[in-house]
Amino acid sequence: MPCNVSIDEPRVQFELTRYLSDNWVPVLEKDVDGPNSLPLKIDGEVPNLGRVSACRRVARTIYLGSAPTVTAANRGIEDRRVKLGCVMPGESPAVFGDALRRMTTAATYLYADSARYWYSTQPTVTKLAEDRADQLKSDPDKVVAEIENRLREDLKKTGDFSRVHPMPATGQDVPDDLDARLVVLGVDHPFSKEAGNAAEVEAKAVHATRGNTPRLYQNTLAFLAVDKIRLQDLDEAVRRYIAWDSILDDAGVLNLTDHQKRQAVTQKESNDSVVKARLPEAYQWLLVPVQNSATDSVKWEASRLNGQDPLAVRASKKLKSDELLFAGLSSSRLKMELDRVPLWRGQHVPIKQLIDDFARYPYLPRLRNTAVLLDAIREGLRLLTWDKDAFAYADSFDDKSGRYRGLRCGQMVNVTENDLSGLLVQPNPAMAQQKAESLQTDPARPMGTGGNGPDRPTDNPPSGKSTPAAPKLTRFYGTVSLDPARAGRDASRIADEVIAHLSGLVGSEVKITLEIEASIPQGAPDNVVRTVTENSRTLKFTTQGFEQE
């Protein structure tokens, strides 16, 4: 075995003799190369290290290389010299660096100070930390509390969920609300691929009931669970973190040296980083109830989370990518769901009822909140093609007369969460009522003179003749100039405030022609001519072209 220390000098031989005295037998057997030693155990557990006996070679090198420095003020050998004493041609130094890190964390008699390492007959605080970590196996409440505290800190960022419910004790702790929420199950309900695992059983119970009453709004919940196997690694990391933290708290009682205090601080920070990395690795299972149609049974889909975001953000992104959570809904999708189920109650449906339906039934899209549905309603009401792709709006329905009060078709209606008393009306009955009302004409009213007003009879009406009705206006035309810098905005206002009213009339035919005239005194560059000409053809301009003065 190559070693960076020469053993020909008398001083080294003397120190080695002292190093191999009876006091060092426990060190050799436990941390260097005994049949039950730590290096042999680690090499057996990690194939990448065991392939080259990395831990045993590191332990031997430190044991021999640090012997001359036992009584020196600056004890130990540097990590680069440890690697130099281990690596053979063709081998990677990084493997031995990994072995050194593992040994430093777990060895009882191996000391480390900055980049220097040495063995001593006195146990390090590592042994004390291991003992305290083992004792926590019989006191799991401290470990669970630490995991829950870290989870709550991570779940402060809720993503697209209105709220997050961390570790509820029972279904009673999860409110029955209209908005989408994430329920994070505790470590006592881990997930595994086995049927009837603890996470799925608990998720079904919370999804079905709230305490002793059935849950109404079942289409608002998704669940996050910890992996059963990864939970063991997380538990081990948390126990080590708590152990090192307790050693620092008891530093005065334990009479720790400055070196041991520095070691404890380093190990606490190291294990804190490990816990932060293992927490999202453990909480990786997203459980979601899915129902394809009203006649199908509810199925539970389990999917893994990935990414670097906080847990709730990862969960919401995964749900949105799988279309299991909608932060936005188009009016056409809403119309499709209204007709598919169907959700109509006769020829209309109250908006309040529609909000209730989307929160109740898992075969409908899971919406982030009520505002998503109201946005889709407002978008559909102002569509020019409302009669084919959307719906109409009415304030109420009069059962006696069989007509809708306040019927509005193809108009902008400001539906808000503070006023949900209106109805969505199917296009056919809305168009029928609109047509019937347009055919009803008012009684003829003659036009008077001399201040009688339009509602008063004239002073001298022609005898024997009825007053002719005012002629109906059957055509409209208009021309407007748009600001080229804000053409989109101006065109949108014209569409909402003029075209929408005209196209909403029964039997109306609206034609819109856009005329563009550009004067270019300096002449248009060739690339602009090509671009505009090609785009005009693609957009199917009836006429287009450049010309000279």
Protein backbone atom coordinates (compact mmCIF):
# COMPACT_ATOMS: atom_id res chain seq x y z
CA MET A 1 0.00 0.00 0.00
CA PRO A 2 1.48 3.35 -0.96
CA CYS A 3 1.90 5.80 1.94
CA ASN A 4 3.20 9.34 2.03
CA VAL A 5 4.98 8.77 5.40
CA SER A 6 8.50 7.31 5.60
CA ILE A 7 8.83 4.73 8.41
CA ASP A 8 12.62 4.49 8.30
CA GLU A 9 13.24 7.31 10.76
CA PRO A 10 13.77 6.30 14.42
CA ARG A 11 11.25 8.85 15.59
CA VAL A 12 8.50 7.32 13.41
CA GLN A 13 9.39 3.80 14.58
CA PHE A 14 9.11 4.91 18.20
CA GLU A 15 5.75 6.52 17.65
CA LEU A 16 4.45 3.49 15.78
CA THR A 17 5.47 1.25 18.66
CA ARG A 18 3.54 3.50 21.03
CA TYR A 19 0.68 3.69 18.55
CA LEU A 20 0.30 -0.11 18.54
CA SER A 21 0.24 -0.52 22.34
CA ASP A 22 -2.70 -2.06 24.19
CA ASN A 23 -4.48 1.28 24.40
CA TRP A 24 -4.95 1.22 20.65
CA VAL A 25 -6.51 -2.22 20.36
CA PRO A 26 -10.11 -0.87 20.63
CA VAL A 27 -9.28 1.75 18.00
CA LEU A 28 -7.91 -0.88 15.62
CA GLU A 29 -10.81 -3.28 16.09
CA LYS A 30 -13.56 -0.69 15.83
CA ASP A 31 -12.39 2.03 13.44
CA VAL A 32 -9.43 0.66 11.43
CA ASP A 33 -9.40 -2.94 10.26
CA GLY A 34 -10.92 -5.45 12.67
CA PRO A 35 -13.37 -8.14 11.51
CA ASN A 36 -16.27 -6.06 12.90
CA SER A 37 -14.75 -2.68 12.12
CA LEU A 38 -16.62 0.31 10.76
CA PRO A 39 -14.55 0.57 7.51
CA LEU A 40 -15.32 -3.07 6.67
CA LYS A 41 -19.02 -2.45 7.33
CA ILE A 42 -19.20 0.64 5.13
CA ASP A 43 -17.30 -1.07 2.31
CA GLY A 44 -19.82 -3.89 2.46
CA GLU A 45 -22.82 -1.53 2.34
CA VAL A 46 -21.58 0.74 -0.48
CA PRO A 47 -20.51 -1.27 -3.55
CA ASN A 48 -18.67 1.66 -5.11
CA LEU A 49 -16.40 1.84 -2.05
CA GLY A 50 -16.17 -1.89 -1.40
CA ARG A 51 -14.93 -2.53 -4.92
CA VAL A 52 -11.57 -0.96 -4.02
CA SER A 53 -11.81 -1.36 -0.20
CA ALA A 54 -11.78 2.44 -0.01
CA CYS A 55 -12.74 2.85 3.67
CA ARG A 56 -10.20 0.31 4.92
CA ARG A 57 -7.42 1.86 2.86
CA VAL A 58 -8.35 5.34 4.15
CA ALA A 59 -8.39 4.10 7.76
CA ARG A 60 -5.00 2.38 7.42
CA THR A 61 -3.44 5.44 5.81
CA ILE A 62 -4.68 7.79 8.54
CA TYR A 63 -3.64 5.33 11.26
CA LEU A 64 -0.07 5.02 9.96
CA GLY A 65 0.31 8.54 8.62
CA SER A 66 -0.81 10.33 11.77
CA ALA A 67 1.27 8.19 14.18
CA PRO A 68 4.25 10.61 14.29
CA THR A 69 1.92 13.52 15.16
CA VAL A 70 0.22 12.02 18.24
CA THR A 71 2.06 14.29 20.69
CA ALA A 72 2.58 17.18 18.28
CA ALA A 73 0.73 20.47 18.63
CA ASN A 74 -0.49 20.24 15.04
CA ARG A 75 -1.80 16.69 14.90
CA GLY A 76 -3.02 14.66 11.95
CA ILE A 77 -2.39 14.60 8.21
CA GLU A 78 -4.13 16.55 5.48
CA ASP A 79 -6.90 15.04 3.36
CA ARG A 80 -4.86 15.38 0.16
CA ARG A 81 -2.09 13.31 1.76
CA VAL A 82 -4.66 10.72 2.85
CA LYS A 83 -5.78 10.38 -0.76
CA LEU A 84 -2.16 10.25 -1.92
CA GLY A 85 -1.54 7.38 0.48
CA CYS A 86 -4.56 5.43 -0.85
CA VAL A 87 -4.91 5.95 -4.58
CA MET A 88 -3.38 3.46 -6.98
CA PRO A 89 -2.82 4.23 -10.68
CA GLY A 90 -6.08 4.20 -12.58
CA GLU A 91 -8.26 4.84 -9.52
CA SER A 92 -10.37 7.95 -8.86
CA PRO A 93 -9.40 10.10 -5.84
CA ALA A 94 -13.06 11.10 -5.48
CA VAL A 95 -13.94 7.58 -4.30
CA PHE A 96 -11.53 7.90 -1.39
CA GLY A 97 -12.81 11.40 -0.65
CA ASP A 98 -16.30 9.92 -0.28
CA ALA A 99 -14.93 7.18 2.01
CA LEU A 100 -13.18 9.81 4.15
CA ARG A 101 -16.39 11.80 4.57
CA ARG A 102 -18.36 8.72 5.59
CA MET A 103 -15.68 7.67 8.06
CA THR A 104 -15.54 11.12 9.63
CA THR A 105 -19.29 11.10 10.21
CA ALA A 106 -19.54 7.62 11.73
CA ALA A 107 -16.15 6.74 13.32
CA THR A 108 -15.81 6.77 17.09
CA TYR A 109 -12.05 7.48 17.38
CA LEU A 110 -11.38 9.43 14.19
CA TYR A 111 -10.82 13.16 14.73
CA ALA A 112 -10.99 15.89 12.12
CA ASP A 113 -9.96 19.52 12.35
CA SER A 114 -10.37 21.52 9.18
CA ALA A 115 -8.56 19.40 6.58
CA ARG A 116 -6.47 17.33 9.06
CA TYR A 117 -7.38 13.84 10.32
CA TRP A 118 -6.00 11.58 13.08
CA TYR A 119 -6.95 8.74 15.43
CA SER A 120 -6.99 9.01 19.21
CA THR A 121 -7.63 6.56 22.05
CA GLN A 122 -10.32 8.91 23.39
CA PRO A 123 -13.77 8.63 21.76
CA THR A 124 -14.92 11.67 19.80
CA VAL A 125 -18.26 13.40 20.23
CA THR A 126 -19.35 11.34 17.22
CA LYS A 127 -19.83 8.36 19.52
CA LEU A 128 -21.93 10.48 21.86
CA ALA A 129 -24.00 11.73 18.92
CA GLU A 130 -24.58 8.17 17.71
CA ASP A 131 -25.72 7.08 21.15
CA ARG A 132 -28.16 9.98 21.41
CA ALA A 133 -29.46 9.33 17.91
CA ASP A 134 -30.11 5.69 18.83
CA GLN A 135 -31.91 6.75 22.01
CA LEU A 136 -34.33 8.81 19.88
CA LYS A 137 -35.66 5.57 18.37
CA SER A 138 -37.50 5.05 21.65
CA ASP A 139 -38.72 8.67 21.64
CA PRO A 140 -40.12 9.19 18.13
CA ASP A 141 -42.25 12.18 19.12
CA LYS A 142 -39.22 14.50 18.97
CA VAL A 143 -38.40 13.28 15.47
CA VAL A 144 -42.01 13.67 14.29
CA ALA A 145 -42.20 17.18 15.76
CA GLU A 146 -39.00 18.21 13.94
CA ILE A 147 -40.30 16.83 10.62
CA GLU A 148 -43.65 18.59 11.06
CA ASN A 149 -41.99 21.92 11.89
CA ARG A 150 -39.88 21.71 8.74
CA LEU A 151 -42.91 20.71 6.68
CA ARG A 152 -44.95 23.66 7.92
CA GLU A 153 -42.12 26.02 7.01
CA ASP A 154 -41.91 24.54 3.49
CA LEU A 155 -45.70 24.63 3.01
CA LYS A 156 -45.93 28.37 3.60
CA LYS A 157 -45.66 28.66 -0.18
CA THR A 158 -49.00 27.22 -1.31
CA GLY A 159 -48.60 27.34 -5.09
CA ASP A 160 -51.99 27.37 -6.86
CA PHE A 161 -53.83 25.99 -3.85
CA SER A 162 -55.98 28.36 -1.85
CA ARG A 163 -54.78 26.68 1.36
CA VAL A 164 -52.67 23.77 2.58
CA HIS A 165 -53.66 21.54 5.51
CA PRO A 166 -50.49 20.00 7.04
CA MET A 167 -50.74 16.75 9.00
CA PRO A 168 -54.44 16.81 10.01
CA ALA A 169 -55.21 14.53 12.95
CA THR A 170 -58.63 13.59 11.50
CA GLY A 171 -60.91 14.60 8.64
CA GLN A 172 -62.55 17.05 11.04
CA ASP A 173 -59.46 19.26 10.73
CA VAL A 174 -59.99 19.70 6.96
CA PRO A 175 -62.82 22.22 6.30
CA ASP A 176 -65.48 21.54 3.67
CA ASP A 177 -64.91 24.56 1.40
CA LEU A 178 -65.33 25.45 -2.28
CA ASP A 179 -61.66 26.19 -3.08
CA ALA A 180 -58.99 23.65 -4.06
CA ARG A 181 -56.67 22.64 -1.21
CA LEU A 182 -53.75 20.29 -0.55
CA VAL A 183 -53.85 17.90 2.42
CA VAL A 184 -50.39 16.76 3.58
CA LEU A 185 -50.61 13.47 5.46
CA GLY A 186 -48.42 12.84 8.51
CA VAL A 187 -45.53 10.39 8.71
CA ASP A 188 -47.84 7.85 10.40
CA HIS A 189 -49.60 7.43 7.02
CA PRO A 190 -46.79 6.52 4.57
CA PHE A 191 -47.41 5.50 0.96
CA SER A 192 -46.26 2.29 -0.70
CA LYS A 193 -47.15 0.43 -3.88
CA GLU A 194 -49.10 -2.13 -1.85
CA ALA A 195 -52.89 -2.06 -2.12
CA GLY A 196 -54.58 -0.59 0.91
CA ASN A 197 -51.49 1.26 2.12
CA ALA A 198 -51.85 3.64 5.06
CA ALA A 199 -51.72 6.82 2.96
CA GLU A 200 -54.48 5.74 0.60
CA VAL A 201 -56.71 4.56 3.45
CA GLU A 202 -56.36 7.89 5.27
CA ALA A 203 -56.85 9.94 2.09
CA LYS A 204 -60.09 8.07 1.28
CA ALA A 205 -61.36 8.64 4.81
CA VAL A 206 -60.67 12.40 4.75
CA HIS A 207 -62.07 12.68 1.20
CA ALA A 208 -65.33 10.93 2.11
CA THR A 209 -66.18 12.47 5.47
CA ARG A 210 -65.53 15.40 7.70
CA GLY A 211 -65.74 13.99 11.18
CA ASN A 212 -69.07 12.16 11.41
CA THR A 213 -70.71 13.92 8.45
CA PRO A 214 -70.30 13.21 4.72
CA ARG A 215 -68.04 15.65 2.90
CA LEU A 216 -69.97 17.68 0.32
CA TYR A 217 -67.22 19.32 -1.70
CA GLN A 218 -65.13 16.28 -2.63
CA ASN A 219 -63.72 17.79 -5.83
CA THR A 220 -61.55 20.26 -3.95
CA LEU A 221 -58.95 18.03 -2.28
CA ALA A 222 -55.61 16.52 -3.31
CA PHE A 223 -53.26 14.65 -0.96
CA LEU A 224 -49.49 14.52 -0.45
CA ALA A 225 -47.92 11.51 1.31
CA VAL A 226 -44.47 10.39 2.40
CA ASP A 227 -42.76 7.40 0.79
CA LYS A 228 -42.49 4.47 3.18
CA ILE A 229 -38.92 3.56 2.24
CA ARG A 230 -37.58 7.12 2.01
CA LEU A 231 -39.12 7.85 5.40
CA GLN A 232 -36.49 5.63 7.03
CA ASP A 233 -33.67 7.73 5.55
CA LEU A 234 -35.42 10.94 6.61
CA ASP A 235 -35.93 9.60 10.14
CA GLU A 236 -32.23 8.70 10.44
CA ALA A 237 -31.09 12.14 9.22
CA VAL A 238 -33.47 13.95 11.61
CA ARG A 239 -32.31 11.86 14.59
CA ARG A 240 -28.67 12.71 13.85
CA TYR A 241 -29.50 16.39 13.50
CA ILE A 242 -31.34 16.44 16.84
CA ALA A 243 -28.46 14.55 18.50
CA TRP A 244 -25.81 17.04 17.36
CA ASP A 245 -28.07 19.95 18.27
CA SER A 246 -28.47 18.54 21.81
CA ILE A 247 -24.69 18.12 22.15
CA LEU A 248 -24.20 21.81 21.35
CA ASP A 249 -26.88 22.71 23.91
CA ASP A 250 -25.03 20.62 26.53
CA ALA A 251 -21.51 21.78 25.56
CA GLY A 252 -20.92 23.30 29.00
CA VAL A 253 -22.07 20.21 30.88
CA LEU A 254 -20.02 17.90 28.64
CA ASN A 255 -16.88 20.07 29.00
CA LEU A 256 -16.28 19.98 25.26
CA THR A 257 -13.00 21.28 23.96
CA ASP A 258 -12.93 24.02 21.36
CA HIS A 259 -12.14 21.42 18.73
CA GLN A 260 -15.10 19.27 19.77
CA LYS A 261 -17.40 22.30 19.69
CA ARG A 262 -16.27 23.10 16.16
CA GLN A 263 -16.83 19.49 15.20
CA ALA A 264 -20.34 19.54 16.67
CA VAL A 265 -21.20 22.75 14.80
CA THR A 266 -19.91 21.28 11.55
CA GLN A 267 -21.82 18.02 12.01
CA LYS A 268 -25.04 19.83 12.94
CA GLU A 269 -24.84 21.97 9.79
CA SER A 270 -24.02 18.93 7.68
CA ASN A 271 -26.96 16.92 9.00
CA ASP A 272 -29.26 19.94 8.67
CA SER A 273 -28.41 20.04 4.95
CA VAL A 274 -29.09 16.31 4.68
CA VAL A 275 -32.54 16.72 6.29
CA LYS A 276 -33.40 19.58 3.92
CA ALA A 277 -32.48 17.41 0.95
CA ARG A 278 -34.28 14.29 2.16
CA LEU A 279 -37.57 15.96 3.14
CA PRO A 280 -38.78 16.63 -0.45
CA GLU A 281 -37.35 13.28 -1.53
CA ALA A 282 -39.51 11.55 1.08
CA TYR A 283 -42.72 13.57 0.48
CA GLN A 284 -42.99 12.69 -3.18
CA TRP A 285 -46.40 10.97 -3.65
CA LEU A 286 -49.39 12.94 -4.87
CA LEU A 287 -52.74 11.16 -4.43
CA VAL A 288 -55.74 12.45 -6.39
CA PRO A 289 -59.32 11.10 -6.69
CA VAL A 290 -60.36 10.81 -10.35
CA GLN A 291 -63.76 9.99 -11.88
CA ASN A 292 -64.26 9.87 -15.65
CA SER A 293 -68.06 10.10 -15.64
CA ALA A 294 -70.94 10.27 -13.20
CA THR A 295 -71.58 6.52 -13.55
CA ASP A 296 -67.95 5.45 -12.97
CA SER A 297 -66.48 4.75 -9.56
CA VAL A 298 -63.84 7.05 -8.07
CA LYS A 299 -60.26 5.89 -8.68
CA TRP A 300 -57.11 7.12 -6.95
CA GLU A 301 -54.12 8.15 -9.02
CA ALA A 302 -50.66 8.22 -7.43
CA SER A 303 -47.88 10.18 -9.14
CA ARG A 304 -44.37 11.23 -8.15
CA LEU A 305 -43.34 14.84 -7.69
CA ASN A 306 -40.09 16.25 -9.03
CA GLY A 307 -38.38 19.61 -9.33
CA GLN A 308 -36.68 22.04 -6.96
CA ASP A 309 -39.71 24.07 -5.82
CA PRO A 310 -41.42 23.85 -2.41
CA LEU A 311 -43.72 20.85 -2.01
CA ALA A 312 -47.08 22.61 -2.55
CA VAL A 313 -45.73 24.43 -5.62
CA ARG A 314 -44.50 21.12 -7.07
CA ALA A 315 -47.88 19.50 -6.38
CA SER A 316 -49.88 22.28 -8.05
CA LYS A 317 -47.60 22.25 -11.11
CA LYS A 318 -48.00 18.48 -11.43
CA LEU A 319 -51.78 18.68 -11.14
CA LYS A 320 -52.00 21.45 -13.73
CA SER A 321 -49.78 19.60 -16.20
CA ASP A 322 -52.03 16.51 -15.83
CA GLU A 323 -55.21 18.68 -16.12
CA LEU A 324 -56.28 17.69 -12.61
CA LEU A 325 -56.29 21.31 -11.41
CA PHE A 326 -57.42 24.34 -13.43
CA ALA A 327 -56.17 27.81 -12.60
CA GLY A 328 -58.08 29.06 -15.66
CA LEU A 329 -61.09 27.75 -17.62
CA SER A 330 -62.25 28.75 -21.10
CA SER A 331 -65.90 29.46 -21.80
CA SER A 332 -65.96 26.79 -24.51
CA ARG A 333 -64.75 24.16 -21.99
CA LEU A 334 -67.44 25.31 -19.57
CA LYS A 335 -70.10 25.00 -22.29
CA MET A 336 -68.83 21.51 -23.14
CA GLU A 337 -69.15 20.41 -19.49
CA LEU A 338 -72.64 21.94 -19.25
CA ASP A 339 -73.80 19.89 -22.24
CA ARG A 340 -71.78 16.71 -21.54
CA VAL A 341 -73.03 15.83 -18.06
CA PRO A 342 -75.49 17.70 -18.47
CA LEU A 343 -75.50 20.33 -15.76
CA TRP A 344 -78.57 22.20 -17.04
CA ARG A 345 -81.64 22.19 -14.78
CA GLY A 346 -84.19 22.27 -17.57
CA GLN A 347 -83.25 25.07 -19.97
CA HIS A 348 -81.10 26.98 -17.51
CA VAL A 349 -78.94 26.57 -14.42
CA PRO A 350 -78.43 28.95 -11.46
CA ILE A 351 -74.85 30.19 -11.18
CA LYS A 352 -74.82 29.27 -7.47
CA GLN A 353 -75.80 25.71 -8.38
CA LEU A 354 -73.03 25.54 -10.99
CA ILE A 355 -70.41 26.62 -8.44
CA ASP A 356 -71.70 23.96 -6.07
CA ASP A 357 -71.55 21.28 -8.80
CA PHE A 358 -67.91 21.94 -9.71
CA ALA A 359 -66.89 21.71 -6.06
CA ARG A 360 -68.88 18.52 -5.44
CA TYR A 361 -68.34 16.09 -8.29
CA PRO A 362 -64.91 14.60 -9.16
CA TYR A 363 -65.98 13.99 -12.79
CA LEU A 364 -65.90 17.77 -13.36
CA PRO A 365 -62.70 19.85 -13.70
CA ARG A 366 -61.12 20.65 -10.32
CA LEU A 367 -61.02 24.48 -10.15
CA ARG A 368 -58.59 26.52 -8.10
CA ASN A 369 -61.42 28.67 -6.73
CA THR A 370 -64.81 30.19 -7.56
CA ALA A 371 -63.18 33.07 -9.44
CA VAL A 372 -62.00 30.65 -12.16
CA LEU A 373 -65.59 29.66 -12.94
CA LEU A 374 -66.85 33.25 -12.85
CA ASP A 375 -64.13 34.32 -15.31
CA ALA A 376 -65.27 31.59 -17.70
CA ILE A 377 -68.90 32.72 -17.36
CA ARG A 378 -68.06 36.36 -18.05
CA GLU A 379 -65.99 35.35 -21.08
CA GLY A 380 -68.82 33.25 -22.51
CA LEU A 381 -71.48 35.92 -22.00
CA ARG A 382 -69.65 38.49 -24.12
CA LEU A 383 -68.79 36.15 -27.00
CA LEU A 384 -70.08 37.23 -30.41
CA THR A 385 -70.80 33.57 -31.13
CA TRP A 386 -72.61 33.00 -27.84
CA ASP A 387 -75.49 31.21 -29.59
CA LYS A 388 -73.12 28.41 -30.74
CA ASP A 389 -70.24 28.40 -28.24
CA ALA A 390 -71.64 29.71 -24.97
CA PHE A 391 -74.88 30.73 -23.25
CA ALA A 392 -77.08 33.70 -22.30
CA TYR A 393 -77.71 35.34 -18.95
CA ALA A 394 -80.93 36.14 -17.11
CA ASP A 395 -81.67 37.72 -13.76
CA SER A 396 -84.45 35.20 -12.99
CA PHE A 397 -87.18 33.02 -14.50
CA ASP A 398 -90.90 33.81 -14.23
CA ASP A 399 -92.74 30.49 -13.90
CA LYS A 400 -96.16 32.05 -14.55
CA SER A 401 -95.31 33.78 -17.82
CA GLY A 402 -92.62 31.28 -18.80
CA ARG A 403 -90.13 33.99 -19.69
CA TYR A 404 -86.71 35.08 -18.46
CA ARG A 405 -86.43 38.42 -16.72
CA GLY A 406 -83.45 40.58 -17.61
CA LEU A 407 -82.38 38.32 -20.49
CA ARG A 408 -79.06 39.38 -22.02
CA CYS A 409 -77.46 37.71 -25.01
CA GLY A 410 -73.92 38.37 -26.23
CA GLN A 411 -73.45 41.20 -23.74
CA MET A 412 -70.90 41.89 -21.06
CA VAL A 413 -72.37 41.05 -17.64
CA ASN A 414 -70.37 41.75 -14.49
CA VAL A 415 -70.93 38.53 -12.54
CA THR A 416 -69.16 38.76 -9.16
CA GLU A 417 -68.92 36.61 -6.03
CA ASN A 418 -71.10 39.18 -4.25
CA ASP A 419 -73.97 38.70 -6.73
CA LEU A 420 -74.57 35.10 -7.78
CA SER A 421 -78.35 35.25 -8.14
CA GLY A 422 -78.39 35.04 -11.95
CA LEU A 423 -79.01 32.16 -14.35
CA LEU A 424 -77.13 30.77 -17.33
CA VAL A 425 -79.62 30.10 -20.14
CA GLN A 426 -79.30 27.69 -23.05
CA PRO A 427 -78.96 29.45 -26.43
CA ASN A 428 -82.15 28.07 -28.07
CA PRO A 429 -84.71 29.28 -25.51
CA ALA A 430 -82.84 32.57 -25.17
CA MET A 431 -82.97 33.16 -28.93
CA ALA A 432 -86.65 32.13 -29.05
CA GLN A 433 -87.61 34.63 -26.35
CA GLN A 434 -85.50 37.31 -27.97
CA LYS A 435 -87.17 36.74 -31.33
CA ALA A 436 -90.68 36.70 -29.86
CA GLU A 437 -90.13 39.96 -28.05
CA SER A 438 -88.68 41.64 -31.12
CA LEU A 439 -91.84 40.79 -33.11
CA GLN A 440 -94.07 42.55 -30.60
CA THR A 441 -94.61 46.15 -31.81
CA ASP A 442 -95.85 49.10 -29.77
CA PRO A 443 -99.12 50.86 -30.74
CA ALA A 444 -98.68 53.48 -33.47
CA ARG A 445 -97.95 56.92 -32.13
CA PRO A 446 -98.37 59.99 -34.42
CA MET A 447 -95.77 62.68 -34.33
CA GLY A 448 -97.19 66.03 -33.19
CA THR A 449 -96.12 69.66 -33.57
CA GLY A 450 -96.07 72.74 -31.46
CA GLY A 451 -94.71 71.11 -28.33
CA ASN A 452 -97.27 68.30 -28.00
CA GLY A 453 -94.43 65.78 -27.85
CA PRO A 454 -94.14 62.40 -29.42
CA ASP A 455 -96.57 60.73 -27.00
CA ARG A 456 -99.41 63.21 -27.59
CA PRO A 457 -101.93 63.28 -30.49
CA THR A 458 -101.61 66.01 -33.08
CA ASP A 459 -103.96 69.01 -32.98
CA ASN A 460 -105.57 68.24 -36.33
CA PRO A 461 -105.29 64.53 -37.16
CA PRO A 462 -106.46 63.56 -40.66
CA SER A 463 -110.01 62.28 -40.39
CA GLY A 464 -110.57 58.67 -41.34
CA LYS A 465 -106.90 57.88 -41.63
CA SER A 466 -104.61 56.10 -39.16
CA THR A 467 -101.26 57.59 -38.34
CA PRO A 468 -98.49 55.63 -40.08
CA ALA A 469 -95.91 53.92 -37.84
CA ALA A 470 -92.40 55.30 -37.74
CA PRO A 471 -90.16 53.52 -40.30
CA LYS A 472 -87.83 50.85 -38.89
CA LEU A 473 -84.09 51.34 -39.14
CA THR A 474 -82.76 48.25 -40.89
CA ARG A 475 -79.15 49.13 -41.68
CA PHE A 476 -76.14 50.52 -39.89
CA TYR A 477 -72.78 51.62 -41.21
CA GLY A 478 -69.83 53.27 -39.55
CA THR A 479 -66.26 54.29 -40.28
CA VAL A 480 -63.62 54.91 -37.65
CA SER A 481 -59.90 55.68 -37.63
CA LEU A 482 -57.71 53.64 -35.27
CA ASP A 483 -54.48 54.63 -33.62
CA PRO A 484 -51.82 52.38 -35.25
CA ALA A 485 -49.96 52.13 -31.93
CA ARG A 486 -53.11 50.95 -30.11
CA ALA A 487 -55.06 49.27 -32.87
CA GLY A 488 -55.68 46.09 -30.86
CA ARG A 489 -57.06 47.98 -27.88
CA ASP A 490 -59.32 50.20 -30.00
CA ALA A 491 -60.59 47.27 -32.07
CA SER A 492 -61.43 45.36 -28.90
CA ARG A 493 -63.46 48.28 -27.55
CA ILE A 494 -65.34 48.60 -30.83
CA ALA A 495 -66.10 44.87 -30.78
CA ASP A 496 -67.47 45.03 -27.22
CA GLU A 497 -69.37 48.31 -27.42
CA VAL A 498 -70.73 48.32 -30.99
CA ILE A 499 -70.39 45.02 -32.84
CA ALA A 500 -71.61 42.90 -29.90
CA HIS A 501 -74.94 44.82 -29.78
CA LEU A 502 -75.50 44.51 -33.53
CA SER A 503 -74.63 40.84 -33.84
CA GLY A 504 -76.87 40.05 -30.86
CA LEU A 505 -80.01 41.08 -32.79
CA VAL A 506 -82.03 38.18 -34.16
CA GLY A 507 -81.47 37.72 -37.89
CA SER A 508 -78.81 40.40 -38.13
CA GLU A 509 -75.86 39.94 -40.49
CA VAL A 510 -72.80 41.92 -39.55
CA LYS A 511 -69.94 42.41 -42.00
CA ILE A 512 -66.67 43.97 -40.88
CA THR A 513 -64.02 45.17 -43.31
CA LEU A 514 -60.61 46.41 -42.16
CA GLU A 515 -59.01 48.93 -44.52
CA ILE A 516 -55.32 49.79 -44.16
CA GLU A 517 -53.65 52.68 -45.98
CA ALA A 518 -50.01 53.51 -45.34
CA SER A 519 -48.02 56.39 -46.86
CA ILE A 520 -44.23 55.76 -46.87
CA PRO A 521 -42.38 58.86 -48.24
CA GLN A 522 -38.94 57.21 -48.00
CA GLY A 523 -40.11 54.00 -49.63
CA ALA A 524 -40.56 50.57 -48.05
CA PRO A 525 -37.43 48.36 -47.68
CA ASP A 526 -37.41 45.07 -49.56
CA ASN A 527 -37.57 42.95 -46.38
CA VAL A 528 -40.67 44.83 -45.18
CA VAL A 529 -42.32 44.43 -48.60
CA ARG A 530 -41.69 40.68 -48.52
CA THR A 531 -42.88 40.27 -44.93
CA VAL A 532 -46.07 42.32 -45.29
CA THR A 533 -46.96 40.71 -48.64
CA GLU A 534 -46.47 37.17 -47.33
CA ASN A 535 -48.38 37.85 -44.10
CA SER A 536 -51.23 39.45 -46.04
CA ARG A 537 -51.55 36.35 -48.18
CA THR A 538 -51.46 34.10 -45.14
CA LEU A 539 -54.18 36.17 -43.43
CA LYS A 540 -56.27 35.97 -46.65
CA PHE A 541 -56.51 39.67 -47.49
CA THR A 542 -59.01 40.22 -50.32
CA THR A 543 -56.80 42.87 -51.88
CA GLN A 544 -53.32 43.96 -50.93
CA GLY A 545 -50.15 45.31 -52.49
CA PHE A 546 -47.55 48.09 -52.63
CA GLU A 547 -47.55 50.75 -55.36
CA GLN A 548 -45.67 53.80 -56.56
CA GLU A 549 -46.85 57.42 -56.41
